[in-house]
Amino acid sequence: MRKITPYLLLILSVMVLTVISAASTGTVLYNFCSKANCTDGANPQTDLVTDLAGNLWGTTRNGGANGFGEIFELTKSSGFTALGQTYGFKGGSADGAFPEAGLVFDSQTGFLYGTTSQGGTGSCSGGCGTIFEFLPGATTDTILHFFGSSGDGATPLAGLVLDTSQNLYGTTSVGGSTGCTGGCGTVFEMSPLSNTYKVLYKFTGGADGNDPVAALTFDSQGNLWGTAEEGGSFKFGTIFELAAPGFTSLQFKHSFKGTPNGASPAAALTFDPSVGGALGTLYGTTSAGGSRNCTGGCGLVFELEITGHVIKIVFKLNGAGATRDGAAPFGRLALDTNPNDPRVGHLYGTASMGGTNTGSCPSTGCGTLFEICPPTINCTGYARGTAVFHFDGTDGENPLAGVLLDVAGAVELEGGRRTDWFSLQDTDENGEPGPQSGKGACTTNCIGSSSNGGQNGKGVVVKVGP
């Protein structure tokens, strides 16, 4: 299970959601655990992705045919209200178990790739986790790598990123060097075409950080950027860059300092090549630090201009209450890149706590979706940051994952194929939208998932619109 910092003991679930306005309403499309013994899955905890036909794919951490989590499809033809294909992980030494990360879709091959936090081999309790591939239409997955051998990483909690040569890159939260209990974590590369795997970097637990729980991001020069939730010079986590080619040498690192600065970054970075000079800029969040309205800080949004390595605090979240913006952001920020949208350049993110704290919500709040107008663009007429939707428990609570943006029209992919939905998760190593990226903002309605709640209390897929 994802490690929870001392400041975030009440984090309960994950939501992937984009909202149009504060007046938006939610409609549950699918209730998990609607079948006996939750064979249809339970507790979805990750971002949704789309295939070339526009169907939605995701994972649930629990449930499934064998109780070890599942891969699921919601078909576009049903309006995302009916399950298509599912695959239940088997656990044990031959298969993965309990996926904590979402899927990445390779539009060139049609394969879906992901990681499981347990299952497989190694000395970890329940297994040290796996990398798998899954071809829609198949009856089983294929394990590409079992974590946990000597010096290897273990317990991957983050999703994978794909380059244009179809190599996968990711992090493990532990394993690698012995400078930390259980290991300080690693960065790895997996090449499905050649079936080769290698550890690129082992964290030491010093100034480079430890416990990387978030996915990686490419910049326009092909360098890899990421965050480590712990370690660094002040023990509050780091930002790091691994230089291309090879990704074996640390080119840049930044240590967070805690409140009122940031602390405990747990989300992947978002790259914007259009601002911040020739090299572009990165946006991210810390789950703690910032405003003192919350114990340990409510978390914040920051910007890192790659040219000059200038770091700025963009917005500090301010906790729970009907007029508050939320607390403890865990998900990757999504960037509106639609040139026809007046909010082009704005960012959307989720706060796992804060916001509404009455009714069915606890005093810590059910969480929010917030909008950020970054200082690198003209923000005339917009607040720097504001909550645009408050979760109330009925339509979900405690969002942890990134948002799904509706392109509101077809966007051409490689090979001339088209689809309408994209998860704005990352760019490729050339700084261009990657195979599961798209352009646009939510202009009609948006779809996401909630780990808990719904009719059966085991999570939902929900549509939010005006």
Protein backbone atom coordinates (compact mmCIF):
# COMPACT_ATOMS: atom_id res chain seq x y z
CA MET A 1 0.00 0.00 0.00
CA ARG A 2 1.20 3.54 -0.75
CA LYS A 3 3.25 4.93 2.11
CA ILE A 4 1.46 7.67 4.06
CA THR A 5 3.49 10.41 5.69
CA PRO A 6 2.84 11.33 9.33
CA TYR A 7 0.95 14.41 8.16
CA LEU A 8 -1.49 12.46 6.00
CA LEU A 9 -2.86 9.64 8.13
CA LEU A 10 -6.43 10.29 7.00
CA ILE A 11 -5.84 9.88 3.25
CA LEU A 12 -8.27 7.21 2.14
CA SER A 13 -8.74 7.11 -1.61
CA VAL A 14 -7.92 8.21 -5.14
CA MET A 15 -9.86 10.20 -7.70
CA VAL A 16 -9.04 11.10 -11.30
CA LEU A 17 -11.33 13.97 -12.17
CA THR A 18 -11.63 17.21 -14.12
CA VAL A 19 -14.37 19.73 -13.38
CA ILE A 20 -15.69 22.58 -15.46
CA SER A 21 -16.93 24.98 -12.82
CA ALA A 22 -17.94 25.28 -9.19
CA ALA A 23 -21.51 24.49 -10.30
CA SER A 24 -20.52 21.11 -11.72
CA THR A 25 -22.36 17.98 -10.64
CA GLY A 26 -21.27 14.35 -10.58
CA THR A 27 -22.98 11.32 -12.12
CA VAL A 28 -21.80 7.86 -11.14
CA LEU A 29 -21.25 5.75 -14.25
CA TYR A 30 -20.08 2.52 -12.65
CA ASN A 31 -20.10 1.19 -9.08
CA PHE A 32 -17.32 -1.27 -8.37
CA CYS A 33 -18.02 -4.38 -6.31
CA SER A 34 -21.41 -4.71 -8.02
CA LYS A 35 -20.72 -8.42 -8.54
CA ALA A 36 -20.41 -11.08 -5.87
CA ASN A 37 -17.05 -11.07 -4.08
CA CYS A 38 -16.10 -7.89 -5.98
CA THR A 39 -15.03 -9.87 -9.02
CA ASP A 40 -15.54 -6.69 -11.05
CA GLY A 41 -12.85 -4.96 -8.99
CA ALA A 42 -12.72 -2.69 -5.97
CA ASN A 43 -10.97 0.52 -4.97
CA PRO A 44 -9.66 2.06 -8.22
CA GLN A 45 -6.69 4.21 -7.23
CA THR A 46 -5.13 5.50 -10.42
CA ASP A 47 -5.48 7.68 -13.50
CA LEU A 48 -7.59 6.44 -16.38
CA VAL A 49 -6.17 6.14 -19.90
CA THR A 50 -7.74 5.66 -23.32
CA ASP A 51 -7.09 3.34 -26.22
CA LEU A 52 -7.39 4.35 -29.87
CA ALA A 53 -11.12 3.59 -29.89
CA GLY A 54 -11.71 5.94 -26.97
CA ASN A 55 -12.41 3.23 -24.39
CA LEU A 56 -11.27 3.92 -20.83
CA TRP A 57 -8.79 1.64 -19.07
CA GLY A 58 -7.65 1.56 -15.48
CA THR A 59 -6.73 -0.63 -12.55
CA THR A 60 -8.30 -1.39 -9.21
CA ARG A 61 -6.04 -2.14 -6.29
CA ASN A 62 -8.35 -4.77 -4.82
CA GLY A 63 -11.06 -7.12 -5.95
CA GLY A 64 -11.05 -8.82 -9.31
CA ALA A 65 -11.42 -12.51 -10.06
CA ASN A 66 -8.70 -13.49 -7.59
CA GLY A 67 -8.81 -10.64 -5.07
CA PHE A 68 -5.44 -9.19 -6.07
CA GLY A 69 -6.71 -6.26 -8.13
CA GLU A 70 -7.59 -6.01 -11.78
CA ILE A 71 -7.29 -4.28 -15.12
CA PHE A 72 -10.65 -2.99 -16.33
CA GLU A 73 -12.12 -1.42 -19.46
CA LEU A 74 -15.16 0.84 -19.66
CA THR A 75 -16.49 0.93 -23.21
CA LYS A 76 -17.09 4.20 -25.01
CA SER A 77 -20.12 2.70 -26.82
CA SER A 78 -21.89 2.30 -23.47
CA GLY A 79 -21.15 5.86 -22.44
CA PHE A 80 -18.57 4.37 -20.03
CA THR A 81 -21.34 2.73 -17.98
CA ALA A 82 -20.52 -0.90 -18.79
CA LEU A 83 -17.42 -2.97 -18.20
CA GLY A 84 -15.78 -4.45 -21.25
CA GLN A 85 -12.75 -6.61 -20.69
CA THR A 86 -11.30 -7.28 -17.24
CA TYR A 87 -8.25 -9.17 -16.04
CA GLY A 88 -7.80 -10.23 -12.43
CA PHE A 89 -4.22 -10.43 -11.17
CA LYS A 90 -3.34 -13.82 -9.69
CA GLY A 91 -0.64 -12.86 -7.21
CA GLY A 92 1.88 -15.42 -6.03
CA SER A 93 5.29 -15.96 -7.59
CA ALA A 94 4.05 -15.99 -11.20
CA ASP A 95 1.91 -12.86 -11.43
CA GLY A 96 1.53 -9.37 -9.97
CA ALA A 97 -0.76 -8.20 -7.19
CA PHE A 98 -2.26 -4.96 -5.90
CA PRO A 99 -1.49 -2.39 -8.64
CA GLU A 100 -0.94 1.07 -7.12
CA ALA A 101 -0.26 2.73 -10.49
CA GLY A 102 -2.26 3.31 -13.64
CA LEU A 103 -1.59 2.08 -17.16
CA VAL A 104 0.32 3.57 -20.07
CA PHE A 105 -0.99 2.90 -23.59
CA ASP A 106 1.39 2.39 -26.51
CA SER A 107 -0.44 3.63 -29.60
CA GLN A 108 2.13 1.99 -31.89
CA THR A 109 1.59 -1.55 -30.64
CA GLY A 110 -1.75 -1.39 -28.82
CA PHE A 111 -0.24 -2.77 -25.60
CA LEU A 112 -0.98 -1.49 -22.11
CA TYR A 113 1.88 -1.43 -19.61
CA GLY A 114 1.91 -1.08 -15.86
CA THR A 115 3.36 -2.11 -12.52
CA THR A 116 2.08 -3.95 -9.48
CA SER A 117 3.27 -3.10 -5.99
CA GLN A 118 3.32 -6.73 -4.86
CA GLY A 119 3.29 -10.20 -6.31
CA GLY A 120 6.14 -11.95 -8.01
CA THR A 121 9.37 -12.92 -6.30
CA GLY A 122 11.89 -11.42 -3.90
CA SER A 123 12.05 -11.17 -0.12
CA CYS A 124 9.31 -8.52 0.24
CA SER A 125 6.17 -9.55 2.05
CA GLY A 126 3.74 -10.64 -0.67
CA GLY A 127 6.41 -10.27 -3.36
CA CYS A 128 8.40 -7.24 -4.54
CA GLY A 129 6.21 -6.33 -7.49
CA THR A 130 6.25 -6.63 -11.27
CA ILE A 131 6.25 -4.84 -14.62
CA PHE A 132 3.59 -6.27 -16.93
CA GLU A 133 2.16 -5.84 -20.41
CA PHE A 134 -1.40 -6.53 -21.41
CA LEU A 135 -2.85 -6.71 -24.91
CA PRO A 136 -6.57 -5.89 -25.06
CA GLY A 137 -8.38 -9.07 -26.07
CA ALA A 138 -5.86 -11.36 -24.35
CA THR A 139 -6.85 -13.62 -21.47
CA THR A 140 -3.73 -13.05 -19.40
CA ASP A 141 -0.93 -10.57 -18.88
CA THR A 142 2.78 -11.07 -19.59
CA ILE A 143 5.30 -10.35 -16.85
CA LEU A 144 8.25 -8.41 -18.21
CA HIS A 145 10.18 -8.17 -14.93
CA PHE A 146 10.02 -9.44 -11.36
CA PHE A 147 11.47 -6.94 -8.87
CA GLY A 148 13.46 -7.89 -5.81
CA SER A 149 16.71 -9.54 -6.87
CA SER A 150 19.93 -8.41 -5.19
CA GLY A 151 20.51 -4.69 -5.83
CA ASP A 152 17.27 -4.34 -7.74
CA GLY A 153 14.38 -2.02 -6.92
CA ALA A 154 11.23 -3.14 -5.15
CA THR A 155 7.63 -2.05 -4.56
CA PRO A 156 6.90 0.22 -7.54
CA LEU A 157 4.09 2.66 -6.68
CA ALA A 158 4.34 4.94 -9.73
CA GLY A 159 3.20 4.64 -13.31
CA LEU A 160 5.52 4.21 -16.29
CA VAL A 161 6.48 6.69 -19.01
CA LEU A 162 7.15 5.70 -22.61
CA ASP A 163 9.66 7.22 -25.02
CA THR A 164 9.39 7.25 -28.81
CA SER A 165 11.61 4.15 -29.05
CA GLN A 166 9.07 2.27 -26.93
CA ASN A 167 11.27 2.05 -23.86
CA LEU A 168 9.60 2.33 -20.47
CA TYR A 169 10.96 4.25 -17.48
CA GLY A 170 9.83 4.17 -13.89
CA THR A 171 10.71 4.29 -10.20
CA THR A 172 10.60 1.91 -7.28
CA SER A 173 9.92 3.26 -3.82
CA VAL A 174 12.46 1.01 -2.10
CA GLY A 175 15.25 -1.37 -3.06
CA GLY A 176 18.52 -0.38 -4.65
CA SER A 177 21.16 0.98 -2.28
CA THR A 178 21.29 -0.06 1.36
CA GLY A 179 21.51 3.46 2.77
CA CYS A 180 17.87 3.29 3.87
CA THR A 181 15.86 0.58 5.57
CA GLY A 182 14.65 -1.65 2.76
CA GLY A 183 16.57 0.43 0.21
CA CYS A 184 16.30 4.06 -0.90
CA GLY A 185 14.57 3.45 -4.23
CA THR A 186 15.61 3.32 -7.88
CA VAL A 187 15.02 4.58 -11.40
CA PHE A 188 14.79 1.80 -14.00
CA GLU A 189 14.43 1.24 -17.74
CA MET A 190 12.48 -1.60 -19.33
CA SER A 191 12.64 -2.30 -23.07
CA PRO A 192 9.75 -4.60 -24.04
CA LEU A 193 10.96 -5.04 -27.62
CA SER A 194 14.31 -6.46 -26.54
CA ASN A 195 13.07 -7.79 -23.21
CA THR A 196 15.89 -6.03 -21.33
CA TYR A 197 15.74 -4.37 -17.92
CA LYS A 198 18.31 -2.32 -16.04
CA VAL A 199 18.57 -0.14 -12.97
CA LEU A 200 19.66 3.33 -14.05
CA TYR A 201 20.07 5.04 -10.70
CA LYS A 202 20.04 4.04 -7.03
CA PHE A 203 19.10 6.73 -4.53
CA THR A 204 21.40 7.10 -1.55
CA GLY A 205 19.05 8.75 0.95
CA GLY A 206 21.33 11.80 1.09
CA ALA A 207 20.99 15.02 -0.91
CA ASP A 208 19.46 13.10 -3.83
CA GLY A 209 16.54 11.93 -1.69
CA ASN A 210 14.84 8.59 -1.15
CA ASP A 211 11.42 6.97 -1.53
CA PRO A 212 10.47 8.07 -5.08
CA VAL A 213 6.75 7.31 -5.31
CA ALA A 214 5.90 9.35 -8.42
CA ALA A 215 6.25 8.81 -12.14
CA LEU A 216 8.97 10.45 -14.23
CA THR A 217 8.67 13.23 -16.84
CA PHE A 218 10.74 14.07 -19.94
CA ASP A 219 11.83 17.62 -20.78
CA SER A 220 12.50 18.95 -24.30
CA GLN A 221 16.13 17.79 -24.16
CA GLY A 222 15.19 14.22 -23.30
CA ASN A 223 16.28 14.45 -19.65
CA LEU A 224 14.23 12.67 -16.99
CA TRP A 225 12.80 14.60 -14.05
CA GLY A 226 11.19 13.28 -10.90
CA THR A 227 10.56 13.76 -7.20
CA ALA A 228 11.54 11.82 -4.09
CA GLU A 229 9.12 12.02 -1.18
CA GLU A 230 11.79 11.87 1.52
CA GLY A 231 15.46 12.66 2.03
CA GLY A 232 17.38 15.63 0.70
CA SER A 233 19.42 18.14 2.67
CA PHE A 234 16.49 18.95 4.98
CA LYS A 235 14.76 15.51 4.94
CA PHE A 236 11.60 16.92 3.30
CA GLY A 237 12.08 15.43 -0.16
CA THR A 238 13.70 16.46 -3.43
CA ILE A 239 13.35 17.25 -7.12
CA PHE A 240 15.93 15.48 -9.29
CA GLU A 241 17.06 15.40 -12.91
CA LEU A 242 18.79 12.49 -14.62
CA ALA A 243 20.74 13.58 -17.68
CA ALA A 244 20.29 12.09 -21.14
CA PRO A 245 21.63 9.97 -22.62
CA GLY A 246 21.91 7.11 -20.20
CA PHE A 247 20.09 8.64 -17.21
CA THR A 248 22.80 7.44 -14.83
CA SER A 249 24.12 10.78 -13.57
CA LEU A 250 22.30 13.30 -11.40
CA GLN A 251 22.35 16.65 -13.19
CA PHE A 252 20.24 18.69 -10.76
CA LYS A 253 18.71 18.30 -7.33
CA HIS A 254 16.66 20.54 -5.07
CA SER A 255 15.84 19.91 -1.41
CA PHE A 256 12.56 21.08 0.06
CA LYS A 257 12.74 22.80 3.44
CA GLY A 258 9.37 22.12 5.03
CA THR A 259 6.80 24.68 6.22
CA PRO A 260 6.41 27.37 4.97
CA ASN A 261 8.35 25.94 2.01
CA GLY A 262 7.24 22.68 0.43
CA ALA A 263 7.56 19.18 1.89
CA SER A 264 6.96 15.59 0.81
CA PRO A 265 6.51 15.81 -2.98
CA ALA A 266 4.51 12.75 -4.02
CA ALA A 267 3.36 13.67 -7.53
CA ALA A 268 4.98 13.53 -10.94
CA LEU A 269 6.04 16.81 -12.54
CA THR A 270 4.22 18.43 -15.48
CA PHE A 271 6.32 19.87 -18.32
CA ASP A 272 5.28 22.95 -20.32
CA PRO A 273 7.63 23.69 -23.26
CA SER A 274 5.83 26.92 -24.18
CA VAL A 275 6.92 29.07 -21.21
CA GLY A 276 9.97 29.54 -19.03
CA GLY A 277 12.54 30.22 -21.74
CA ALA A 278 14.14 27.97 -24.30
CA LEU A 279 14.13 24.88 -22.08
CA GLY A 280 10.58 25.21 -20.78
CA THR A 281 9.24 24.94 -17.26
CA LEU A 282 8.06 22.27 -14.84
CA TYR A 283 5.13 22.41 -12.43
CA GLY A 284 4.56 20.22 -9.41
CA THR A 285 3.04 19.91 -5.98
CA THR A 286 4.15 19.02 -2.48
CA SER A 287 1.71 17.17 -0.27
CA ALA A 288 2.80 19.07 2.86
CA GLY A 289 4.54 22.32 3.74
CA GLY A 290 3.14 25.69 2.74
CA SER A 291 0.27 27.16 4.77
CA ARG A 292 0.25 26.50 8.52
CA ASN A 293 -3.53 26.00 8.50
CA CYS A 294 -2.82 22.26 8.46
CA THR A 295 -0.54 20.23 10.72
CA GLY A 296 2.71 19.94 8.77
CA GLY A 297 1.41 22.34 6.13
CA CYS A 298 -1.43 22.09 3.60
CA GLY A 299 0.76 21.59 0.55
CA LEU A 300 1.53 23.84 -2.39
CA VAL A 301 2.03 24.23 -6.13
CA PHE A 302 5.51 25.17 -7.38
CA GLU A 303 7.20 26.03 -10.66
CA LEU A 304 10.74 25.16 -11.73
CA GLU A 305 12.10 27.13 -14.69
CA ILE A 306 14.66 24.80 -16.20
CA THR A 307 16.78 27.67 -17.50
CA GLY A 308 18.63 28.86 -14.42
CA HIS A 309 16.85 26.32 -12.20
CA VAL A 310 14.62 29.02 -10.70
CA ILE A 311 12.05 27.61 -8.26
CA LYS A 312 8.96 29.64 -7.33
CA ILE A 313 6.03 28.91 -5.05
CA VAL A 314 2.93 29.47 -7.19
CA PHE A 315 0.10 28.78 -4.75
CA LYS A 316 -0.34 27.55 -1.18
CA LEU A 317 -3.41 25.48 -0.42
CA ASN A 318 -5.21 26.53 2.76
CA GLY A 319 -7.06 23.58 4.23
CA ALA A 320 -10.63 22.60 5.12
CA GLY A 321 -13.79 24.68 5.06
CA ALA A 322 -16.45 25.75 2.60
CA THR A 323 -14.32 28.65 1.31
CA ARG A 324 -10.95 26.86 1.50
CA ASP A 325 -9.03 25.41 -1.43
CA GLY A 326 -8.01 22.02 -0.05
CA ALA A 327 -4.96 20.29 1.38
CA ALA A 328 -2.46 17.52 0.63
CA PRO A 329 -2.27 17.36 -3.19
CA PHE A 330 -0.97 14.00 -4.39
CA GLY A 331 -1.82 13.97 -8.11
CA ARG A 332 0.04 15.21 -11.16
CA LEU A 333 -1.14 18.59 -12.45
CA ALA A 334 -2.82 18.64 -15.86
CA LEU A 335 -2.02 21.44 -18.29
CA ASP A 336 -4.63 22.98 -20.61
CA THR A 337 -2.85 23.27 -23.97
CA ASN A 338 -5.86 24.08 -26.16
CA PRO A 339 -4.99 27.34 -27.99
CA ASN A 340 -8.70 28.11 -28.44
CA ASP A 341 -9.45 27.93 -24.73
CA PRO A 342 -9.31 31.18 -22.69
CA ARG A 343 -7.73 29.10 -19.93
CA VAL A 344 -4.86 27.85 -22.07
CA GLY A 345 -1.82 27.44 -19.88
CA HIS A 346 -3.88 26.90 -16.73
CA LEU A 347 -3.29 23.89 -14.51
CA TYR A 348 -5.81 21.57 -12.85
CA GLY A 349 -5.09 19.45 -9.80
CA THR A 350 -6.73 17.63 -6.92
CA ALA A 351 -6.30 18.06 -3.18
CA SER A 352 -6.86 14.87 -1.23
CA MET A 353 -8.26 16.65 1.83
CA GLY A 354 -9.64 20.06 2.71
CA GLY A 355 -12.56 21.85 1.18
CA THR A 356 -16.06 20.94 2.37
CA ASN A 357 -15.96 19.51 5.91
CA THR A 358 -19.64 19.30 6.80
CA GLY A 359 -22.37 16.74 6.14
CA SER A 360 -20.83 13.37 5.30
CA CYS A 361 -17.32 14.84 5.09
CA PRO A 362 -14.94 14.63 8.07
CA SER A 363 -13.52 17.74 9.73
CA THR A 364 -10.43 17.40 7.51
CA GLY A 365 -12.61 17.78 4.39
CA CYS A 366 -13.44 15.55 1.45
CA GLY A 367 -10.97 17.16 -0.95
CA THR A 368 -11.17 19.52 -3.91
CA LEU A 369 -10.31 20.04 -7.52
CA PHE A 370 -8.45 23.31 -7.99
CA GLU A 371 -7.42 25.50 -10.91
CA ILE A 372 -4.10 27.36 -11.07
CA CYS A 373 -3.27 30.34 -13.29
CA PRO A 374 0.55 30.20 -13.28
CA PRO A 375 2.64 33.38 -13.13
CA THR A 376 4.32 32.56 -16.45
CA ILE A 377 1.18 33.55 -18.37
CA ASN A 378 -1.10 36.58 -18.34
CA CYS A 379 -3.60 35.88 -15.56
CA THR A 380 -5.70 39.01 -15.89
CA GLY A 381 -9.19 38.28 -14.62
CA TYR A 382 -8.25 35.01 -12.91
CA ALA A 383 -7.34 34.21 -9.36
CA ARG A 384 -3.89 32.69 -9.00
CA GLY A 385 -5.48 29.57 -7.55
CA THR A 386 -9.00 28.54 -6.58
CA ALA A 387 -11.04 25.43 -5.87
CA VAL A 388 -13.50 24.81 -8.68
CA PHE A 389 -15.15 21.75 -7.16
CA HIS A 390 -15.61 20.46 -3.59
CA PHE A 391 -16.10 16.74 -3.13
CA ASP A 392 -18.91 15.98 -0.68
CA GLY A 393 -18.59 12.24 -0.11
CA THR A 394 -21.51 11.34 -2.39
CA ASP A 395 -19.57 11.97 -5.58
CA GLY A 396 -16.22 10.93 -4.08
CA GLU A 397 -13.71 12.08 -1.53
CA ASN A 398 -9.96 12.23 -0.91
CA PRO A 399 -8.71 12.52 -4.55
CA LEU A 400 -5.06 11.55 -4.97
CA ALA A 401 -4.45 11.15 -8.71
CA GLY A 402 -4.19 13.42 -11.73
CA VAL A 403 -7.01 14.74 -13.90
CA LEU A 404 -8.47 13.54 -17.18
CA LEU A 405 -9.13 16.25 -19.77
CA ASP A 406 -11.78 16.08 -22.47
CA VAL A 407 -10.45 17.22 -25.83
CA ALA A 408 -14.01 18.08 -26.94
CA GLY A 409 -13.33 16.83 -30.42
CA ALA A 410 -11.07 14.36 -32.18
CA VAL A 411 -7.32 14.83 -32.06
CA GLU A 412 -5.03 13.08 -34.48
CA LEU A 413 -2.59 10.52 -33.12
CA GLU A 414 0.32 8.74 -34.73
CA GLY A 415 -0.69 6.95 -37.91
CA GLY A 416 -3.69 9.20 -38.46
CA ARG A 417 -5.87 7.42 -35.87
CA ARG A 418 -8.11 9.55 -33.74
CA THR A 419 -9.78 9.55 -30.35
CA ASP A 420 -11.58 12.01 -28.10
CA TRP A 421 -10.17 11.39 -24.61
CA PHE A 422 -6.63 11.72 -23.38
CA SER A 423 -4.87 11.57 -20.05
CA LEU A 424 -2.51 14.54 -19.97
CA GLN A 425 0.16 12.62 -18.11
CA ASP A 426 3.45 13.46 -19.79
CA THR A 427 5.39 14.38 -22.89
CA ASP A 428 7.91 12.31 -24.78
CA GLU A 429 11.65 12.88 -24.66
CA ASN A 430 11.33 15.59 -27.32
CA GLY A 431 8.87 17.58 -25.23
CA GLU A 432 5.93 16.73 -27.48
CA PRO A 433 2.65 15.20 -26.26
CA GLY A 434 3.28 11.53 -25.63
CA PRO A 435 1.23 8.55 -26.83
CA GLN A 436 -1.36 9.01 -24.07
CA SER A 437 -1.38 12.80 -24.10
CA GLY A 438 -3.79 15.16 -25.79
CA LYS A 439 -4.71 18.81 -26.08
CA GLY A 440 -7.77 20.47 -24.73
CA ALA A 441 -9.78 21.41 -21.71
CA CYS A 442 -12.98 20.06 -20.23
CA THR A 443 -15.74 21.84 -22.11
CA THR A 444 -18.57 19.30 -21.87
CA ASN A 445 -18.01 16.72 -19.16
CA CYS A 446 -15.12 14.76 -17.70
CA ILE A 447 -14.65 11.28 -16.34
CA GLY A 448 -12.68 10.00 -13.38
CA SER A 449 -12.57 7.37 -10.66
CA SER A 450 -12.95 7.33 -6.89
CA SER A 451 -11.31 4.71 -4.70
CA ASN A 452 -14.11 4.59 -2.13
CA GLY A 453 -17.77 5.50 -1.92
CA GLY A 454 -20.57 4.84 -4.31
CA GLN A 455 -23.36 2.32 -4.00
CA ASN A 456 -21.14 -0.44 -2.62
CA GLY A 457 -18.52 1.66 -0.84
CA LYS A 458 -15.75 0.25 -3.06
CA GLY A 459 -15.29 3.09 -5.51
CA VAL A 460 -16.85 4.43 -8.69
CA VAL A 461 -16.23 5.86 -12.10
CA VAL A 462 -17.91 9.24 -12.21
CA LYS A 463 -18.80 11.83 -14.86
CA VAL A 464 -18.71 15.47 -13.87
CA GLY A 465 -20.29 18.22 -15.87
CA PRO A 466 -22.41 21.39 -15.69
